[in-house]
Amino acid sequence: MQHILFICSQNKLRSPTAEQVFSVVEGLEVLSAGTNNNAINAVTPELILWADKILVMEPTHREKLKKKFRAQLNGQKIICLGIPNNYEFMDPELVEILLKKVPQFIN
């Protein structure tokens, strides 16, 4: 079972959409979190350690993770999907972008 962690800022729109879309993929266990302190589900050291792969929506998310969780990341690669905060939860366009970008990074 591969553990995939999707991260955005607030954990309201992009990363929860990704979690829902990929939660039905066999062989994957997916979670989502946000980098902001007031995120619905904020990133924790435990989530970082749980993840086999971390996929962030924007470069700023990667930088925040590297600053706050350097010890837990232990050289783990963080993949940036380059998806701006322009979408609502389960927006069909966002789902299409995720389905196009994410599969190349998961087994």
N, C-alpha and C. Protein backbone atom coordinates (compact mmCIF):
# COMPACT_ATOMS: atom_id res chain seq x y z
N MET A 1 0.85 -1.19 0.00
CA MET A 1 0.00 0.00 0.00
C MET A 1 0.89 1.24 0.00
N GLN A 2 0.69 2.10 -0.96
CA GLN A 2 1.45 3.33 -1.07
C GLN A 2 0.67 4.47 -0.40
N HIS A 3 1.35 5.24 0.44
CA HIS A 3 0.74 6.35 1.17
C HIS A 3 1.05 7.66 0.46
N ILE A 4 0.00 8.35 0.02
CA ILE A 4 0.14 9.61 -0.70
C ILE A 4 -0.50 10.72 0.13
N LEU A 5 0.26 11.80 0.34
CA LEU A 5 -0.23 12.95 1.08
C LEU A 5 -0.33 14.14 0.12
N PHE A 6 -1.53 14.68 -0.04
CA PHE A 6 -1.77 15.87 -0.86
C PHE A 6 -1.84 17.08 0.06
N ILE A 7 -1.17 18.16 -0.35
CA ILE A 7 -1.10 19.35 0.50
C ILE A 7 -1.42 20.61 -0.30
N CYS A 8 -2.26 21.45 0.32
CA CYS A 8 -2.51 22.80 -0.18
C CYS A 8 -2.41 23.75 1.03
N SER A 9 -3.02 24.91 0.97
CA SER A 9 -2.90 25.88 2.06
C SER A 9 -3.88 25.62 3.20
N GLN A 10 -5.16 25.61 2.88
CA GLN A 10 -6.20 25.52 3.90
C GLN A 10 -6.81 24.13 4.07
N ASN A 11 -6.49 23.22 3.15
CA ASN A 11 -7.10 21.89 3.14
C ASN A 11 -8.62 21.98 3.02
N LYS A 12 -9.06 22.91 2.14
CA LYS A 12 -10.50 23.09 1.92
C LYS A 12 -10.92 22.71 0.49
N LEU A 13 -10.04 22.97 -0.49
CA LEU A 13 -10.47 22.83 -1.88
C LEU A 13 -9.61 21.85 -2.68
N ARG A 14 -8.36 22.21 -2.93
CA ARG A 14 -7.53 21.42 -3.84
C ARG A 14 -7.11 20.07 -3.24
N SER A 15 -6.48 20.07 -2.07
CA SER A 15 -5.99 18.79 -1.54
C SER A 15 -7.13 17.85 -1.13
N PRO A 16 -8.24 18.34 -0.57
CA PRO A 16 -9.34 17.41 -0.31
C PRO A 16 -9.96 16.84 -1.60
N THR A 17 -9.95 17.64 -2.67
CA THR A 17 -10.43 17.12 -3.95
C THR A 17 -9.51 15.99 -4.41
N ALA A 18 -8.20 16.21 -4.34
CA ALA A 18 -7.24 15.17 -4.74
C ALA A 18 -7.41 13.92 -3.87
N GLU A 19 -7.61 14.13 -2.58
CA GLU A 19 -7.81 12.98 -1.68
C GLU A 19 -9.03 12.18 -2.10
N GLN A 20 -10.11 12.86 -2.39
CA GLN A 20 -11.34 12.16 -2.77
C GLN A 20 -11.18 11.44 -4.11
N VAL A 21 -10.57 12.10 -5.08
CA VAL A 21 -10.40 11.52 -6.42
C VAL A 21 -9.55 10.24 -6.34
N PHE A 22 -8.46 10.28 -5.60
CA PHE A 22 -7.53 9.15 -5.59
C PHE A 22 -7.77 8.15 -4.47
N SER A 23 -8.76 8.40 -3.63
CA SER A 23 -9.08 7.45 -2.54
C SER A 23 -9.66 6.14 -3.07
N VAL A 24 -10.11 6.13 -4.30
CA VAL A 24 -10.71 4.92 -4.87
C VAL A 24 -9.70 4.08 -5.67
N VAL A 25 -8.46 4.55 -5.76
CA VAL A 25 -7.44 3.85 -6.52
C VAL A 25 -6.87 2.71 -5.68
N GLU A 26 -6.95 1.51 -6.23
CA GLU A 26 -6.45 0.33 -5.53
C GLU A 26 -4.95 0.44 -5.31
N GLY A 27 -4.51 0.09 -4.12
CA GLY A 27 -3.09 0.13 -3.79
C GLY A 27 -2.63 1.46 -3.22
N LEU A 28 -3.56 2.42 -3.13
CA LEU A 28 -3.21 3.72 -2.57
C LEU A 28 -3.99 3.97 -1.29
N GLU A 29 -3.33 4.60 -0.35
CA GLU A 29 -4.00 5.17 0.81
C GLU A 29 -3.66 6.65 0.76
N VAL A 30 -4.66 7.51 0.72
CA VAL A 30 -4.42 8.94 0.53
C VAL A 30 -5.02 9.76 1.67
N LEU A 31 -4.31 10.83 1.98
CA LEU A 31 -4.77 11.81 2.96
C LEU A 31 -4.46 13.19 2.41
N SER A 32 -5.04 14.21 3.03
CA SER A 32 -4.75 15.58 2.62
C SER A 32 -4.59 16.44 3.86
N ALA A 33 -3.86 17.54 3.68
CA ALA A 33 -3.61 18.46 4.79
C ALA A 33 -3.28 19.84 4.22
N GLY A 34 -3.24 20.83 5.11
CA GLY A 34 -2.90 22.19 4.71
C GLY A 34 -1.69 22.71 5.45
N THR A 35 -0.97 23.64 4.82
CA THR A 35 0.23 24.19 5.43
C THR A 35 -0.07 25.32 6.41
N ASN A 36 -1.23 25.95 6.29
CA ASN A 36 -1.55 27.06 7.18
C ASN A 36 -1.95 26.55 8.56
N ASN A 37 -1.65 27.35 9.58
CA ASN A 37 -1.97 26.96 10.96
C ASN A 37 -3.47 26.77 11.16
N ASN A 38 -4.29 27.51 10.41
CA ASN A 38 -5.75 27.41 10.57
C ASN A 38 -6.38 26.49 9.53
N ALA A 39 -5.58 25.62 8.92
CA ALA A 39 -6.11 24.66 7.95
C ALA A 39 -7.06 23.70 8.63
N ILE A 40 -8.02 23.19 7.88
CA ILE A 40 -8.99 22.24 8.43
C ILE A 40 -8.25 21.04 9.03
N ASN A 41 -7.29 20.52 8.31
CA ASN A 41 -6.44 19.43 8.78
C ASN A 41 -5.01 19.87 8.51
N ALA A 42 -4.33 20.40 9.51
CA ALA A 42 -2.98 20.94 9.33
C ALA A 42 -1.96 19.82 9.23
N VAL A 43 -0.91 20.08 8.46
CA VAL A 43 0.19 19.12 8.33
C VAL A 43 0.83 18.92 9.70
N THR A 44 1.14 17.66 10.00
CA THR A 44 1.81 17.32 11.26
C THR A 44 3.06 16.49 10.94
N PRO A 45 3.98 16.40 11.89
CA PRO A 45 5.14 15.53 11.68
C PRO A 45 4.72 14.08 11.40
N GLU A 46 3.66 13.64 12.05
CA GLU A 46 3.19 12.26 11.86
C GLU A 46 2.72 12.02 10.42
N LEU A 47 2.03 13.00 9.84
CA LEU A 47 1.59 12.87 8.45
C LEU A 47 2.78 12.82 7.50
N ILE A 48 3.78 13.63 7.76
CA ILE A 48 4.99 13.64 6.92
C ILE A 48 5.66 12.27 6.98
N LEU A 49 5.79 11.72 8.16
CA LEU A 49 6.43 10.41 8.32
C LEU A 49 5.59 9.29 7.72
N TRP A 50 4.27 9.43 7.75
CA TRP A 50 3.35 8.43 7.19
C TRP A 50 3.48 8.33 5.67
N ALA A 51 3.72 9.47 5.02
CA ALA A 51 3.66 9.56 3.55
C ALA A 51 4.86 8.92 2.87
N ASP A 52 4.56 8.14 1.83
CA ASP A 52 5.61 7.65 0.93
C ASP A 52 5.93 8.74 -0.09
N LYS A 53 4.90 9.47 -0.50
CA LYS A 53 5.06 10.57 -1.45
C LYS A 53 4.20 11.74 -0.99
N ILE A 54 4.77 12.94 -1.15
CA ILE A 54 4.06 14.16 -0.79
C ILE A 54 3.89 14.98 -2.06
N LEU A 55 2.64 15.30 -2.38
CA LEU A 55 2.33 16.10 -3.56
C LEU A 55 1.70 17.41 -3.11
N VAL A 56 2.38 18.51 -3.40
CA VAL A 56 1.89 19.83 -3.03
C VAL A 56 1.32 20.53 -4.26
N MET A 57 0.46 21.49 -4.02
CA MET A 57 -0.19 22.19 -5.12
C MET A 57 0.66 23.32 -5.68
N GLU A 58 1.45 24.01 -4.82
CA GLU A 58 2.23 25.16 -5.25
C GLU A 58 3.63 25.12 -4.63
N PRO A 59 4.60 25.81 -5.25
CA PRO A 59 5.96 25.84 -4.70
C PRO A 59 6.03 26.37 -3.27
N THR A 60 5.15 27.31 -2.91
CA THR A 60 5.18 27.85 -1.54
C THR A 60 4.88 26.76 -0.51
N HIS A 61 4.07 25.79 -0.87
CA HIS A 61 3.77 24.70 0.06
C HIS A 61 5.02 23.86 0.31
N ARG A 62 5.78 23.61 -0.75
CA ARG A 62 7.02 22.84 -0.62
C ARG A 62 8.00 23.58 0.31
N GLU A 63 8.12 24.89 0.12
CA GLU A 63 9.05 25.66 0.95
C GLU A 63 8.63 25.67 2.41
N LYS A 64 7.33 25.80 2.66
CA LYS A 64 6.84 25.77 4.05
C LYS A 64 7.14 24.43 4.70
N LEU A 65 6.94 23.35 3.96
CA LEU A 65 7.22 22.02 4.51
C LEU A 65 8.70 21.85 4.83
N LYS A 66 9.56 22.32 3.92
CA LYS A 66 11.00 22.19 4.13
C LYS A 66 11.46 22.97 5.35
N LYS A 67 10.85 24.12 5.60
CA LYS A 67 11.22 24.93 6.77
C LYS A 67 10.70 24.32 8.07
N LYS A 68 9.45 23.91 8.06
CA LYS A 68 8.81 23.47 9.30
C LYS A 68 9.07 22.01 9.66
N PHE A 69 9.30 21.16 8.64
CA PHE A 69 9.40 19.72 8.89
C PHE A 69 10.71 19.12 8.34
N ARG A 70 11.77 19.89 8.39
CA ARG A 70 13.06 19.44 7.84
C ARG A 70 13.48 18.08 8.41
N ALA A 71 13.36 17.91 9.71
CA ALA A 71 13.80 16.66 10.36
C ALA A 71 12.97 15.47 9.89
N GLN A 72 11.66 15.64 9.75
CA GLN A 72 10.79 14.54 9.34
C GLN A 72 10.93 14.21 7.86
N LEU A 73 11.23 15.22 7.05
CA LEU A 73 11.34 14.99 5.60
C LEU A 73 12.55 14.13 5.28
N ASN A 74 13.64 14.32 5.99
CA ASN A 74 14.81 13.46 5.86
C ASN A 74 15.17 13.19 4.40
N GLY A 75 15.17 14.26 3.59
CA GLY A 75 15.54 14.12 2.18
C GLY A 75 14.43 13.64 1.27
N GLN A 76 13.24 13.43 1.81
CA GLN A 76 12.12 12.95 0.98
C GLN A 76 11.78 13.99 -0.09
N LYS A 77 11.52 13.52 -1.29
CA LYS A 77 11.18 14.41 -2.39
C LYS A 77 9.74 14.88 -2.25
N ILE A 78 9.56 16.16 -2.48
CA ILE A 78 8.23 16.77 -2.48
C ILE A 78 7.91 17.15 -3.92
N ILE A 79 6.82 16.65 -4.43
CA ILE A 79 6.43 16.87 -5.82
C ILE A 79 5.44 18.03 -5.89
N CYS A 80 5.76 19.02 -6.71
CA CYS A 80 4.87 20.18 -6.87
C CYS A 80 4.05 19.99 -8.15
N LEU A 81 2.74 20.03 -7.99
CA LEU A 81 1.83 19.85 -9.12
C LEU A 81 1.56 21.14 -9.90
N GLY A 82 1.87 22.28 -9.30
CA GLY A 82 1.67 23.55 -9.99
C GLY A 82 0.22 23.88 -10.27
N ILE A 83 -0.63 23.66 -9.27
CA ILE A 83 -2.06 23.93 -9.44
C ILE A 83 -2.43 25.14 -8.56
N PRO A 84 -2.78 26.27 -9.19
CA PRO A 84 -3.11 27.47 -8.42
C PRO A 84 -4.45 27.34 -7.69
N ASN A 85 -4.66 28.23 -6.76
CA ASN A 85 -5.87 28.21 -5.94
C ASN A 85 -7.02 28.90 -6.68
N ASN A 86 -7.42 28.32 -7.81
CA ASN A 86 -8.46 28.90 -8.65
C ASN A 86 -9.71 28.03 -8.74
N TYR A 87 -9.83 27.03 -7.90
CA TYR A 87 -10.88 26.03 -8.07
C TYR A 87 -11.66 25.81 -6.78
N GLU A 88 -12.90 25.41 -6.96
CA GLU A 88 -13.74 25.00 -5.83
C GLU A 88 -13.54 23.51 -5.58
N PHE A 89 -14.03 23.04 -4.45
CA PHE A 89 -13.96 21.62 -4.12
C PHE A 89 -14.67 20.80 -5.19
N MET A 90 -13.99 19.78 -5.71
CA MET A 90 -14.50 18.86 -6.74
C MET A 90 -14.88 19.56 -8.05
N ASP A 91 -14.30 20.73 -8.30
CA ASP A 91 -14.49 21.42 -9.58
C ASP A 91 -14.07 20.46 -10.70
N PRO A 92 -14.93 20.23 -11.69
CA PRO A 92 -14.59 19.28 -12.77
C PRO A 92 -13.26 19.59 -13.46
N GLU A 93 -12.94 20.86 -13.62
CA GLU A 93 -11.66 21.23 -14.25
C GLU A 93 -10.48 20.82 -13.35
N LEU A 94 -10.63 21.02 -12.04
CA LEU A 94 -9.59 20.61 -11.09
C LEU A 94 -9.41 19.09 -11.11
N VAL A 95 -10.51 18.36 -11.12
CA VAL A 95 -10.46 16.90 -11.17
C VAL A 95 -9.72 16.45 -12.43
N GLU A 96 -10.03 17.08 -13.55
CA GLU A 96 -9.37 16.73 -14.82
C GLU A 96 -7.86 17.00 -14.75
N ILE A 97 -7.48 18.13 -14.18
CA ILE A 97 -6.05 18.46 -14.03
C ILE A 97 -5.36 17.44 -13.14
N LEU A 98 -5.98 17.09 -12.03
CA LEU A 98 -5.40 16.10 -11.12
C LEU A 98 -5.23 14.74 -11.81
N LEU A 99 -6.25 14.32 -12.54
CA LEU A 99 -6.18 13.03 -13.24
C LEU A 99 -5.11 13.03 -14.33
N LYS A 100 -4.78 14.19 -14.84
CA LYS A 100 -3.74 14.31 -15.86
C LYS A 100 -2.34 14.34 -15.24
N LYS A 101 -2.19 15.05 -14.11
CA LYS A 101 -0.86 15.28 -13.53
C LYS A 101 -0.40 14.22 -12.54
N VAL A 102 -1.29 13.72 -11.70
CA VAL A 102 -0.88 12.88 -10.57
C VAL A 102 -0.42 11.48 -10.95
N PRO A 103 -1.07 10.76 -11.87
CA PRO A 103 -0.70 9.37 -12.13
C PRO A 103 0.78 9.12 -12.42
N GLN A 104 1.47 10.06 -13.02
CA GLN A 104 2.89 9.87 -13.33
C GLN A 104 3.75 9.80 -12.06
N PHE A 105 3.22 10.25 -10.93
CA PHE A 105 4.00 10.27 -9.69
C PHE A 105 3.64 9.14 -8.73
N ILE A 106 2.60 8.38 -9.05
CA ILE A 106 2.20 7.28 -8.17
C ILE A 106 2.35 5.96 -8.91
N ASN A 107 2.61 4.93 -8.16
CA ASN A 107 2.82 3.60 -8.78
C ASN A 107 1.49 2.90 -9.00
